[in-house]
ModelCIF file with pLDDT and N, C-alpha, C, O atoms, coordinates in Angstrom:
data_MODEL
#
_entry.id   MODEL 
#
_entity.id                         1 
_entity.type                       polymer 
_entity.pdbx_number_of_molecules   1 
#
_entity_poly.entity_id                      1 
_entity_poly.type                           'polypeptide(L)' 
_entity_poly.nstd_linkage                   no 
_entity_poly.nstd_monomer                   no 
_entity_poly.pdbx_seq_one_letter_code       AAEAAFAAAQKQFDIAAQENTEDFETVFQSALGMVNETNDLHND 
_entity_poly.pdbx_seq_one_letter_code_can   AAEAAFAAAQKQFDIAAQENTEDFETVFQSALGMVNETNDLHND 
_entity_poly.pdbx_strand_id                 A 
#
loop_
_entity_poly_seq.entity_id 
_entity_poly_seq.num 
_entity_poly_seq.mon_id 
_entity_poly_seq.hetero 
1 1  ALA n 
1 2  ALA n 
1 3  GLU n 
1 4  ALA n 
1 5  ALA n 
1 6  PHE n 
1 7  ALA n 
1 8  ALA n 
1 9  ALA n 
1 10 GLN n 
1 11 LYS n 
1 12 GLN n 
1 13 PHE n 
1 14 ASP n 
1 15 ILE n 
1 16 ALA n 
1 17 ALA n 
1 18 GLN n 
1 19 GLU n 
1 20 ASN n 
1 21 THR n 
1 22 GLU n 
1 23 ASP n 
1 24 PHE n 
1 25 GLU n 
1 26 THR n 
1 27 VAL n 
1 28 PHE n 
1 29 GLN n 
1 30 SER n 
1 31 ALA n 
1 32 LEU n 
1 33 GLY n 
1 34 MET n 
1 35 VAL n 
1 36 ASN n 
1 37 GLU n 
1 38 THR n 
1 39 ASN n 
1 40 ASP n 
1 41 LEU n 
1 42 HIS n 
1 43 ASN n 
1 44 ASP n 
#
_struct_asym.id          A 
_struct_asym.entity_id   1 
#
loop_
_ma_qa_metric.id 
_ma_qa_metric.mode 
_ma_qa_metric.name 
_ma_qa_metric.software_group_id 
_ma_qa_metric.type 
1 global pLDDT . pLDDT 
2 local  pLDDT . pLDDT 
#
_ma_qa_metric_global.metric_id      1 
_ma_qa_metric_global.metric_value   76.07 
_ma_qa_metric_global.model_id       1 
_ma_qa_metric_global.ordinal_id     1 
#
loop_
_ma_qa_metric_local.label_asym_id 
_ma_qa_metric_local.label_comp_id 
_ma_qa_metric_local.label_seq_id 
_ma_qa_metric_local.metric_id 
_ma_qa_metric_local.metric_value 
_ma_qa_metric_local.model_id 
_ma_qa_metric_local.ordinal_id 
A ALA 1  2 61.00 1 1  
A ALA 2  2 63.00 1 2  
A GLU 3  2 69.00 1 3  
A ALA 4  2 66.00 1 4  
A ALA 5  2 67.00 1 5  
A PHE 6  2 70.00 1 6  
A ALA 7  2 72.00 1 7  
A ALA 8  2 72.00 1 8  
A ALA 9  2 70.00 1 9  
A GLN 10 2 72.00 1 10 
A LYS 11 2 74.00 1 11 
A GLN 12 2 68.00 1 12 
A PHE 13 2 66.00 1 13 
A ASP 14 2 67.00 1 14 
A ILE 15 2 62.00 1 15 
A ALA 16 2 57.00 1 16 
A ALA 17 2 59.00 1 17 
A GLN 18 2 60.00 1 18 
A GLU 19 2 56.00 1 19 
A ASN 20 2 55.00 1 20 
A THR 21 2 54.00 1 21 
A GLU 22 2 62.00 1 22 
A ASP 23 2 73.00 1 23 
A PHE 24 2 73.00 1 24 
A GLU 25 2 78.00 1 25 
A THR 26 2 84.00 1 26 
A VAL 27 2 79.00 1 27 
A PHE 28 2 80.00 1 28 
A GLN 29 2 86.00 1 29 
A SER 30 2 86.00 1 30 
A ALA 31 2 84.00 1 31 
A LEU 32 2 88.00 1 32 
A GLY 33 2 90.00 1 33 
A MET 34 2 90.00 1 34 
A VAL 35 2 91.00 1 35 
A ASN 36 2 92.00 1 36 
A GLU 37 2 93.00 1 37 
A THR 38 2 93.00 1 38 
A ASN 39 2 94.00 1 39 
A ASP 40 2 94.00 1 40 
A LEU 41 2 93.00 1 41 
A HIS 42 2 95.00 1 42 
A ASN 43 2 95.00 1 43 
A ASP 44 2 94.00 1 44 
#
loop_
_atom_site.group_PDB 
_atom_site.id 
_atom_site.type_symbol 
_atom_site.label_atom_id 
_atom_site.label_alt_id 
_atom_site.label_comp_id 
_atom_site.label_asym_id 
_atom_site.label_entity_id 
_atom_site.label_seq_id 
_atom_site.pdbx_PDB_ins_code 
_atom_site.Cartn_x 
_atom_site.Cartn_y 
_atom_site.Cartn_z 
_atom_site.occupancy 
_atom_site.B_iso_or_equiv 
_atom_site.pdbx_formal_charge 
_atom_site.auth_seq_id 
_atom_site.auth_comp_id 
_atom_site.auth_asym_id 
_atom_site.auth_atom_id 
_atom_site.pdbx_PDB_model_num 
ATOM 1   N N  . ALA A 1 1  ? 2.002   -10.933 6.567   1.00 61.00 ? 1  ALA A N  1 
ATOM 2   C CA . ALA A 1 1  ? 1.450   -9.473  6.582   1.00 61.00 ? 1  ALA A CA 1 
ATOM 3   C C  . ALA A 1 1  ? 2.103   -8.611  5.610   1.00 61.00 ? 1  ALA A C  1 
ATOM 4   O O  . ALA A 1 1  ? 1.467   -7.778  4.963   1.00 61.00 ? 1  ALA A O  1 
ATOM 5   N N  . ALA A 1 2  ? 3.516   -8.812  5.475   1.00 63.00 ? 2  ALA A N  1 
ATOM 6   C CA . ALA A 1 2  ? 4.132   -7.973  4.453   1.00 63.00 ? 2  ALA A CA 1 
ATOM 7   C C  . ALA A 1 2  ? 3.719   -8.463  3.012   1.00 63.00 ? 2  ALA A C  1 
ATOM 8   O O  . ALA A 1 2  ? 3.562   -7.622  2.127   1.00 63.00 ? 2  ALA A O  1 
ATOM 9   N N  . GLU A 1 3  ? 3.544   -9.782  2.763   1.00 69.00 ? 3  GLU A N  1 
ATOM 10  C CA . GLU A 1 3  ? 3.136   -10.135 1.507   1.00 69.00 ? 3  GLU A CA 1 
ATOM 11  C C  . GLU A 1 3  ? 1.718   -9.658  1.210   1.00 69.00 ? 3  GLU A C  1 
ATOM 12  O O  . GLU A 1 3  ? 1.442   -9.250  0.082   1.00 69.00 ? 3  GLU A O  1 
ATOM 13  N N  . ALA A 1 4  ? 0.823   -9.697  2.172   1.00 66.00 ? 4  ALA A N  1 
ATOM 14  C CA . ALA A 1 4  ? -0.397  -9.260  2.069   1.00 66.00 ? 4  ALA A CA 1 
ATOM 15  C C  . ALA A 1 4  ? -0.491  -7.760  1.750   1.00 66.00 ? 4  ALA A C  1 
ATOM 16  O O  . ALA A 1 4  ? -1.307  -7.331  0.934   1.00 66.00 ? 4  ALA A O  1 
ATOM 17  N N  . ALA A 1 5  ? 0.336   -7.006  2.393   1.00 67.00 ? 5  ALA A N  1 
ATOM 18  C CA . ALA A 1 5  ? 0.499   -5.517  2.200   1.00 67.00 ? 5  ALA A CA 1 
ATOM 19  C C  . ALA A 1 5  ? 0.980   -5.297  0.783   1.00 67.00 ? 5  ALA A C  1 
ATOM 20  O O  . ALA A 1 5  ? 0.439   -4.463  0.059   1.00 67.00 ? 5  ALA A O  1 
ATOM 21  N N  . PHE A 1 6  ? 2.048   -6.082  0.366   1.00 70.00 ? 6  PHE A N  1 
ATOM 22  C CA . PHE A 1 6  ? 2.507   -5.898  -1.001  1.00 70.00 ? 6  PHE A CA 1 
ATOM 23  C C  . PHE A 1 6  ? 1.455   -6.244  -2.120  1.00 70.00 ? 6  PHE A C  1 
ATOM 24  O O  . PHE A 1 6  ? 1.444   -5.608  -3.173  1.00 70.00 ? 6  PHE A O  1 
ATOM 25  N N  . ALA A 1 7  ? 0.608   -7.226  -1.876  1.00 72.00 ? 7  ALA A N  1 
ATOM 26  C CA . ALA A 1 7  ? -0.396  -7.719  -2.766  1.00 72.00 ? 7  ALA A CA 1 
ATOM 27  C C  . ALA A 1 7  ? -1.526  -6.668  -2.777  1.00 72.00 ? 7  ALA A C  1 
ATOM 28  O O  . ALA A 1 7  ? -2.117  -6.395  -3.822  1.00 72.00 ? 7  ALA A O  1 
ATOM 29  N N  . ALA A 1 8  ? -1.804  -6.108  -1.644  1.00 72.00 ? 8  ALA A N  1 
ATOM 30  C CA . ALA A 1 8  ? -2.801  -5.026  -1.514  1.00 72.00 ? 8  ALA A CA 1 
ATOM 31  C C  . ALA A 1 8  ? -2.385  -3.789  -2.240  1.00 72.00 ? 8  ALA A C  1 
ATOM 32  O O  . ALA A 1 8  ? -3.171  -3.184  -2.969  1.00 72.00 ? 8  ALA A O  1 
ATOM 33  N N  . ALA A 1 9  ? -1.152  -3.412  -2.041  1.00 70.00 ? 9  ALA A N  1 
ATOM 34  C CA . ALA A 1 9  ? -0.599  -2.269  -2.694  1.00 70.00 ? 9  ALA A CA 1 
ATOM 35  C C  . ALA A 1 9  ? -0.606  -2.409  -4.234  1.00 70.00 ? 9  ALA A C  1 
ATOM 36  O O  . ALA A 1 9  ? -0.975  -1.482  -4.955  1.00 70.00 ? 9  ALA A O  1 
ATOM 37  N N  . GLN A 1 10 ? -0.152  -3.693  -4.748  1.00 72.00 ? 10 GLN A N  1 
ATOM 38  C CA . GLN A 1 10 ? -0.127  -3.908  -6.105  1.00 72.00 ? 10 GLN A CA 1 
ATOM 39  C C  . GLN A 1 10 ? -1.579  -3.967  -6.751  1.00 72.00 ? 10 GLN A C  1 
ATOM 40  O O  . GLN A 1 10 ? -1.822  -3.507  -7.866  1.00 72.00 ? 10 GLN A O  1 
ATOM 41  N N  . LYS A 1 11 ? -2.461  -4.546  -5.982  1.00 74.00 ? 11 LYS A N  1 
ATOM 42  C CA . LYS A 1 11 ? -3.903  -4.559  -6.375  1.00 74.00 ? 11 LYS A CA 1 
ATOM 43  C C  . LYS A 1 11 ? -4.458  -3.162  -6.522  1.00 74.00 ? 11 LYS A C  1 
ATOM 44  O O  . LYS A 1 11 ? -5.246  -2.885  -7.426  1.00 74.00 ? 11 LYS A O  1 
ATOM 45  N N  . GLN A 1 12 ? -4.029  -2.255  -5.599  1.00 68.00 ? 12 GLN A N  1 
ATOM 46  C CA . GLN A 1 12 ? -4.577  -0.794  -5.586  1.00 68.00 ? 12 GLN A CA 1 
ATOM 47  C C  . GLN A 1 12 ? -4.030  -0.053  -6.809  1.00 68.00 ? 12 GLN A C  1 
ATOM 48  O O  . GLN A 1 12 ? -4.712  0.769   -7.420  1.00 68.00 ? 12 GLN A O  1 
ATOM 49  N N  . PHE A 1 13 ? -2.757  -0.379  -7.148  1.00 66.00 ? 13 PHE A N  1 
ATOM 50  C CA . PHE A 1 13 ? -2.077  0.212   -8.275  1.00 66.00 ? 13 PHE A CA 1 
ATOM 51  C C  . PHE A 1 13 ? -2.854  -0.239  -9.553  1.00 66.00 ? 13 PHE A C  1 
ATOM 52  O O  . PHE A 1 13 ? -3.136  0.570   -10.436 1.00 66.00 ? 13 PHE A O  1 
ATOM 53  N N  . ASP A 1 14 ? -3.197  -1.593  -9.620  1.00 67.00 ? 14 ASP A N  1 
ATOM 54  C CA . ASP A 1 14 ? -3.779  -2.112  -10.795 1.00 67.00 ? 14 ASP A CA 1 
ATOM 55  C C  . ASP A 1 14 ? -5.276  -1.572  -10.972 1.00 67.00 ? 14 ASP A C  1 
ATOM 56  O O  . ASP A 1 14 ? -5.751  -1.303  -12.076 1.00 67.00 ? 14 ASP A O  1 
ATOM 57  N N  . ILE A 1 15 ? -5.923  -1.452  -9.835  1.00 62.00 ? 15 ILE A N  1 
ATOM 58  C CA . ILE A 1 15 ? -7.309  -0.834  -9.913  1.00 62.00 ? 15 ILE A CA 1 
ATOM 59  C C  . ILE A 1 15 ? -7.229  0.572   -10.333 1.00 62.00 ? 15 ILE A C  1 
ATOM 60  O O  . ILE A 1 15 ? -8.015  0.998   -11.180 1.00 62.00 ? 15 ILE A O  1 
ATOM 61  N N  . ALA A 1 16 ? -6.345  1.311   -9.805  1.00 57.00 ? 16 ALA A N  1 
ATOM 62  C CA . ALA A 1 16 ? -6.147  2.822   -10.077 1.00 57.00 ? 16 ALA A CA 1 
ATOM 63  C C  . ALA A 1 16 ? -5.850  2.860   -11.626 1.00 57.00 ? 16 ALA A C  1 
ATOM 64  O O  . ALA A 1 16 ? -6.362  3.759   -12.294 1.00 57.00 ? 16 ALA A O  1 
ATOM 65  N N  . ALA A 1 17 ? -5.130  2.019   -12.154 1.00 59.00 ? 17 ALA A N  1 
ATOM 66  C CA . ALA A 1 17 ? -4.700  2.130   -13.640 1.00 59.00 ? 17 ALA A CA 1 
ATOM 67  C C  . ALA A 1 17 ? -5.914  1.653   -14.490 1.00 59.00 ? 17 ALA A C  1 
ATOM 68  O O  . ALA A 1 17 ? -6.083  2.150   -15.603 1.00 59.00 ? 17 ALA A O  1 
ATOM 69  N N  . GLN A 1 18 ? -6.702  0.777   -14.043 1.00 60.00 ? 18 GLN A N  1 
ATOM 70  C CA . GLN A 1 18 ? -7.895  0.413   -14.837 1.00 60.00 ? 18 GLN A CA 1 
ATOM 71  C C  . GLN A 1 18 ? -9.062  1.265   -14.684 1.00 60.00 ? 18 GLN A C  1 
ATOM 72  O O  . GLN A 1 18 ? -9.718  1.568   -15.681 1.00 60.00 ? 18 GLN A O  1 
ATOM 73  N N  . GLU A 1 19 ? -9.387  1.685   -13.507 1.00 56.00 ? 19 GLU A N  1 
ATOM 74  C CA . GLU A 1 19 ? -10.580 2.476   -13.411 1.00 56.00 ? 19 GLU A CA 1 
ATOM 75  C C  . GLU A 1 19 ? -10.430 3.939   -13.239 1.00 56.00 ? 19 GLU A C  1 
ATOM 76  O O  . GLU A 1 19 ? -11.404 4.688   -13.313 1.00 56.00 ? 19 GLU A O  1 
ATOM 77  N N  . ASN A 1 20 ? -9.242  4.352   -13.013 1.00 55.00 ? 20 ASN A N  1 
ATOM 78  C CA . ASN A 1 20 ? -8.901  5.730   -12.702 1.00 55.00 ? 20 ASN A CA 1 
ATOM 79  C C  . ASN A 1 20 ? -9.790  6.395   -11.615 1.00 55.00 ? 20 ASN A C  1 
ATOM 80  O O  . ASN A 1 20 ? -10.007 7.607   -11.620 1.00 55.00 ? 20 ASN A O  1 
ATOM 81  N N  . THR A 1 21 ? -10.290 5.556   -10.694 1.00 54.00 ? 21 THR A N  1 
ATOM 82  C CA . THR A 1 21 ? -11.071 6.078   -9.686  1.00 54.00 ? 21 THR A CA 1 
ATOM 83  C C  . THR A 1 21 ? -10.247 6.327   -8.281  1.00 54.00 ? 21 THR A C  1 
ATOM 84  O O  . THR A 1 21 ? -10.664 7.089   -7.409  1.00 54.00 ? 21 THR A O  1 
ATOM 85  N N  . GLU A 1 22 ? -9.181  5.679   -8.194  1.00 62.00 ? 22 GLU A N  1 
ATOM 86  C CA . GLU A 1 22 ? -8.252  5.700   -6.955  1.00 62.00 ? 22 GLU A CA 1 
ATOM 87  C C  . GLU A 1 22 ? -7.616  6.995   -7.081  1.00 62.00 ? 22 GLU A C  1 
ATOM 88  O O  . GLU A 1 22 ? -7.187  7.338   -8.182  1.00 62.00 ? 22 GLU A O  1 
ATOM 89  N N  . ASP A 1 23 ? -7.509  7.752   -6.067  1.00 73.00 ? 23 ASP A N  1 
ATOM 90  C CA . ASP A 1 23 ? -6.727  8.943   -6.040  1.00 73.00 ? 23 ASP A CA 1 
ATOM 91  C C  . ASP A 1 23 ? -5.397  8.765   -5.504  1.00 73.00 ? 23 ASP A C  1 
ATOM 92  O O  . ASP A 1 23 ? -5.114  7.671   -5.017  1.00 73.00 ? 23 ASP A O  1 
ATOM 93  N N  . PHE A 1 24 ? -4.550  9.690   -5.529  1.00 73.00 ? 24 PHE A N  1 
ATOM 94  C CA . PHE A 1 24 ? -3.116  9.635   -5.089  1.00 73.00 ? 24 PHE A CA 1 
ATOM 95  C C  . PHE A 1 24 ? -3.020  9.381   -3.608  1.00 73.00 ? 24 PHE A C  1 
ATOM 96  O O  . PHE A 1 24 ? -2.164  8.636   -3.132  1.00 73.00 ? 24 PHE A O  1 
ATOM 97  N N  . GLU A 1 25 ? -3.947  10.039  -2.871  1.00 78.00 ? 25 GLU A N  1 
ATOM 98  C CA . GLU A 1 25 ? -3.787  9.964   -1.382  1.00 78.00 ? 25 GLU A CA 1 
ATOM 99  C C  . GLU A 1 25 ? -4.090  8.494   -0.903  1.00 78.00 ? 25 GLU A C  1 
ATOM 100 O O  . GLU A 1 25 ? -3.441  8.001   0.019   1.00 78.00 ? 25 GLU A O  1 
ATOM 101 N N  . THR A 1 26 ? -4.978  7.883   -1.476  1.00 84.00 ? 26 THR A N  1 
ATOM 102 C CA . THR A 1 26 ? -5.199  6.369   -1.112  1.00 84.00 ? 26 THR A CA 1 
ATOM 103 C C  . THR A 1 26 ? -3.986  5.546   -1.298  1.00 84.00 ? 26 THR A C  1 
ATOM 104 O O  . THR A 1 26 ? -3.587  4.771   -0.428  1.00 84.00 ? 26 THR A O  1 
ATOM 105 N N  . VAL A 1 27 ? -3.363  5.729   -2.511  1.00 79.00 ? 27 VAL A N  1 
ATOM 106 C CA . VAL A 1 27 ? -2.158  4.912   -2.810  1.00 79.00 ? 27 VAL A CA 1 
ATOM 107 C C  . VAL A 1 27 ? -0.955  5.259   -1.906  1.00 79.00 ? 27 VAL A C  1 
ATOM 108 O O  . VAL A 1 27 ? -0.132  4.433   -1.511  1.00 79.00 ? 27 VAL A O  1 
ATOM 109 N N  . PHE A 1 28 ? -0.950  6.485   -1.645  1.00 80.00 ? 28 PHE A N  1 
ATOM 110 C CA . PHE A 1 28 ? 0.180   7.113   -0.699  1.00 80.00 ? 28 PHE A CA 1 
ATOM 111 C C  . PHE A 1 28 ? 0.017   6.549   0.648   1.00 80.00 ? 28 PHE A C  1 
ATOM 112 O O  . PHE A 1 28 ? 0.966   6.046   1.249   1.00 80.00 ? 28 PHE A O  1 
ATOM 113 N N  . GLN A 1 29 ? -1.253  6.630   1.167   1.00 86.00 ? 29 GLN A N  1 
ATOM 114 C CA . GLN A 1 29 ? -1.572  6.167   2.534   1.00 86.00 ? 29 GLN A CA 1 
ATOM 115 C C  . GLN A 1 29 ? -1.231  4.691   2.629   1.00 86.00 ? 29 GLN A C  1 
ATOM 116 O O  . GLN A 1 29 ? -0.699  4.276   3.659   1.00 86.00 ? 29 GLN A O  1 
ATOM 117 N N  . SER A 1 30 ? -1.497  3.889   1.641   1.00 86.00 ? 30 SER A N  1 
ATOM 118 C CA . SER A 1 30 ? -1.234  2.540   1.649   1.00 86.00 ? 30 SER A CA 1 
ATOM 119 C C  . SER A 1 30 ? 0.314   2.264   1.746   1.00 86.00 ? 30 SER A C  1 
ATOM 120 O O  . SER A 1 30 ? 0.741   1.418   2.532   1.00 86.00 ? 30 SER A O  1 
ATOM 121 N N  . ALA A 1 31 ? 1.098   2.957   0.973   1.00 84.00 ? 31 ALA A N  1 
ATOM 122 C CA . ALA A 1 31 ? 2.480   2.825   0.974   1.00 84.00 ? 31 ALA A CA 1 
ATOM 123 C C  . ALA A 1 31 ? 3.129   3.288   2.206   1.00 84.00 ? 31 ALA A C  1 
ATOM 124 O O  . ALA A 1 31 ? 4.071   2.681   2.713   1.00 84.00 ? 31 ALA A O  1 
ATOM 125 N N  . LEU A 1 32 ? 2.612   4.391   2.698   1.00 88.00 ? 32 LEU A N  1 
ATOM 126 C CA . LEU A 1 32 ? 2.974   4.948   4.092   1.00 88.00 ? 32 LEU A CA 1 
ATOM 127 C C  . LEU A 1 32 ? 2.651   3.944   5.195   1.00 88.00 ? 32 LEU A C  1 
ATOM 128 O O  . LEU A 1 32 ? 3.421   3.813   6.147   1.00 88.00 ? 32 LEU A O  1 
ATOM 129 N N  . GLY A 1 33 ? 1.564   3.255   5.090   1.00 90.00 ? 33 GLY A N  1 
ATOM 130 C CA . GLY A 1 33 ? 1.165   2.258   6.108   1.00 90.00 ? 33 GLY A CA 1 
ATOM 131 C C  . GLY A 1 33 ? 2.153   1.030   6.042   1.00 90.00 ? 33 GLY A C  1 
ATOM 132 O O  . GLY A 1 33 ? 2.422   0.407   7.069   1.00 90.00 ? 33 GLY A O  1 
ATOM 133 N N  . MET A 1 34 ? 2.672   0.701   4.854   1.00 90.00 ? 34 MET A N  1 
ATOM 134 C CA . MET A 1 34 ? 3.563   -0.401  4.689   1.00 90.00 ? 34 MET A CA 1 
ATOM 135 C C  . MET A 1 34 ? 4.995   -0.002  5.313   1.00 90.00 ? 34 MET A C  1 
ATOM 136 O O  . MET A 1 34 ? 5.721   -0.809  5.893   1.00 90.00 ? 34 MET A O  1 
ATOM 137 N N  . VAL A 1 35 ? 5.304   1.394   5.105   1.00 91.00 ? 35 VAL A N  1 
ATOM 138 C CA . VAL A 1 35 ? 6.563   1.701   5.611   1.00 91.00 ? 35 VAL A CA 1 
ATOM 139 C C  . VAL A 1 35 ? 6.495   1.767   7.191   1.00 91.00 ? 35 VAL A C  1 
ATOM 140 O O  . VAL A 1 35 ? 7.446   1.362   7.858   1.00 91.00 ? 35 VAL A O  1 
ATOM 141 N N  . ASN A 1 36 ? 5.444   2.243   7.730   1.00 92.00 ? 36 ASN A N  1 
ATOM 142 C CA . ASN A 1 36 ? 5.242   2.314   9.152   1.00 92.00 ? 36 ASN A CA 1 
ATOM 143 C C  . ASN A 1 36 ? 5.305   0.859   9.786   1.00 92.00 ? 36 ASN A C  1 
ATOM 144 O O  . ASN A 1 36 ? 5.943   0.651   10.819  1.00 92.00 ? 36 ASN A O  1 
ATOM 145 N N  . GLU A 1 37 ? 4.604   -0.145  9.108   1.00 93.00 ? 37 GLU A N  1 
ATOM 146 C CA . GLU A 1 37 ? 4.613   -1.493  9.533   1.00 93.00 ? 37 GLU A CA 1 
ATOM 147 C C  . GLU A 1 37 ? 6.054   -1.990  9.504   1.00 93.00 ? 37 GLU A C  1 
ATOM 148 O O  . GLU A 1 37 ? 6.463   -2.649  10.460  1.00 93.00 ? 37 GLU A O  1 
ATOM 149 N N  . THR A 1 38 ? 6.853   -1.717  8.466   1.00 93.00 ? 38 THR A N  1 
ATOM 150 C CA . THR A 1 38 ? 8.271   -2.188  8.371   1.00 93.00 ? 38 THR A CA 1 
ATOM 151 C C  . THR A 1 38 ? 9.086   -1.605  9.519   1.00 93.00 ? 38 THR A C  1 
ATOM 152 O O  . THR A 1 38 ? 9.907   -2.269  10.152  1.00 93.00 ? 38 THR A O  1 
ATOM 153 N N  . ASN A 1 39 ? 8.810   -0.322  9.747   1.00 94.00 ? 39 ASN A N  1 
ATOM 154 C CA . ASN A 1 39 ? 9.525   0.388   10.957  1.00 94.00 ? 39 ASN A CA 1 
ATOM 155 C C  . ASN A 1 39 ? 9.181   -0.294  12.254  1.00 94.00 ? 39 ASN A C  1 
ATOM 156 O O  . ASN A 1 39 ? 10.063  -0.466  13.096  1.00 94.00 ? 39 ASN A O  1 
ATOM 157 N N  . ASP A 1 40 ? 7.901   -0.704  12.465  1.00 94.00 ? 40 ASP A N  1 
ATOM 158 C CA . ASP A 1 40 ? 7.409   -1.285  13.667  1.00 94.00 ? 40 ASP A CA 1 
ATOM 159 C C  . ASP A 1 40 ? 8.114   -2.589  13.907  1.00 94.00 ? 40 ASP A C  1 
ATOM 160 O O  . ASP A 1 40 ? 8.496   -2.926  15.028  1.00 94.00 ? 40 ASP A O  1 
ATOM 161 N N  . LEU A 1 41 ? 8.295   -3.399  12.697  1.00 93.00 ? 41 LEU A N  1 
ATOM 162 C CA . LEU A 1 41 ? 8.807   -4.769  12.797  1.00 93.00 ? 41 LEU A CA 1 
ATOM 163 C C  . LEU A 1 41 ? 10.341  -4.551  13.032  1.00 93.00 ? 41 LEU A C  1 
ATOM 164 O O  . LEU A 1 41 ? 10.927  -5.404  13.699  1.00 93.00 ? 41 LEU A O  1 
ATOM 165 N N  . HIS A 1 42 ? 10.996  -3.549  12.572  1.00 95.00 ? 42 HIS A N  1 
ATOM 166 C CA . HIS A 1 42 ? 12.422  -3.349  12.776  1.00 95.00 ? 42 HIS A CA 1 
ATOM 167 C C  . HIS A 1 42 ? 12.593  -2.953  14.152  1.00 95.00 ? 42 HIS A C  1 
ATOM 168 O O  . HIS A 1 42 ? 13.547  -3.433  14.764  1.00 95.00 ? 42 HIS A O  1 
ATOM 169 N N  . ASN A 1 43 ? 11.787  -2.123  14.748  1.00 95.00 ? 43 ASN A N  1 
ATOM 170 C CA . ASN A 1 43 ? 11.829  -1.724  16.170  1.00 95.00 ? 43 ASN A CA 1 
ATOM 171 C C  . ASN A 1 43 ? 11.766  -2.912  17.122  1.00 95.00 ? 43 ASN A C  1 
ATOM 172 O O  . ASN A 1 43 ? 12.488  -3.037  18.111  1.00 95.00 ? 43 ASN A O  1 
ATOM 173 N N  . ASP A 1 44 ? 10.754  -3.840  16.693  1.00 94.00 ? 44 ASP A N  1 
ATOM 174 C CA . ASP A 1 44 ? 10.540  -4.952  17.573  1.00 94.00 ? 44 ASP A CA 1 
ATOM 175 C C  . ASP A 1 44 ? 11.772  -5.942  17.457  1.00 94.00 ? 44 ASP A C  1 
ATOM 176 O O  . ASP A 1 44 ? 11.801  -6.973  18.129  1.00 94.00 ? 44 ASP A O  1 
#
């Protein structure tokens, strides 16, 4: 799951750089989701 989240975040950054259609909020929400998942795993 962490590797998939990392790959998804990296893919989103690549897409944003190539197409300039991704906005900051989408990338931020993806990163925030990864931080939340890390926090949940730490709590578990």
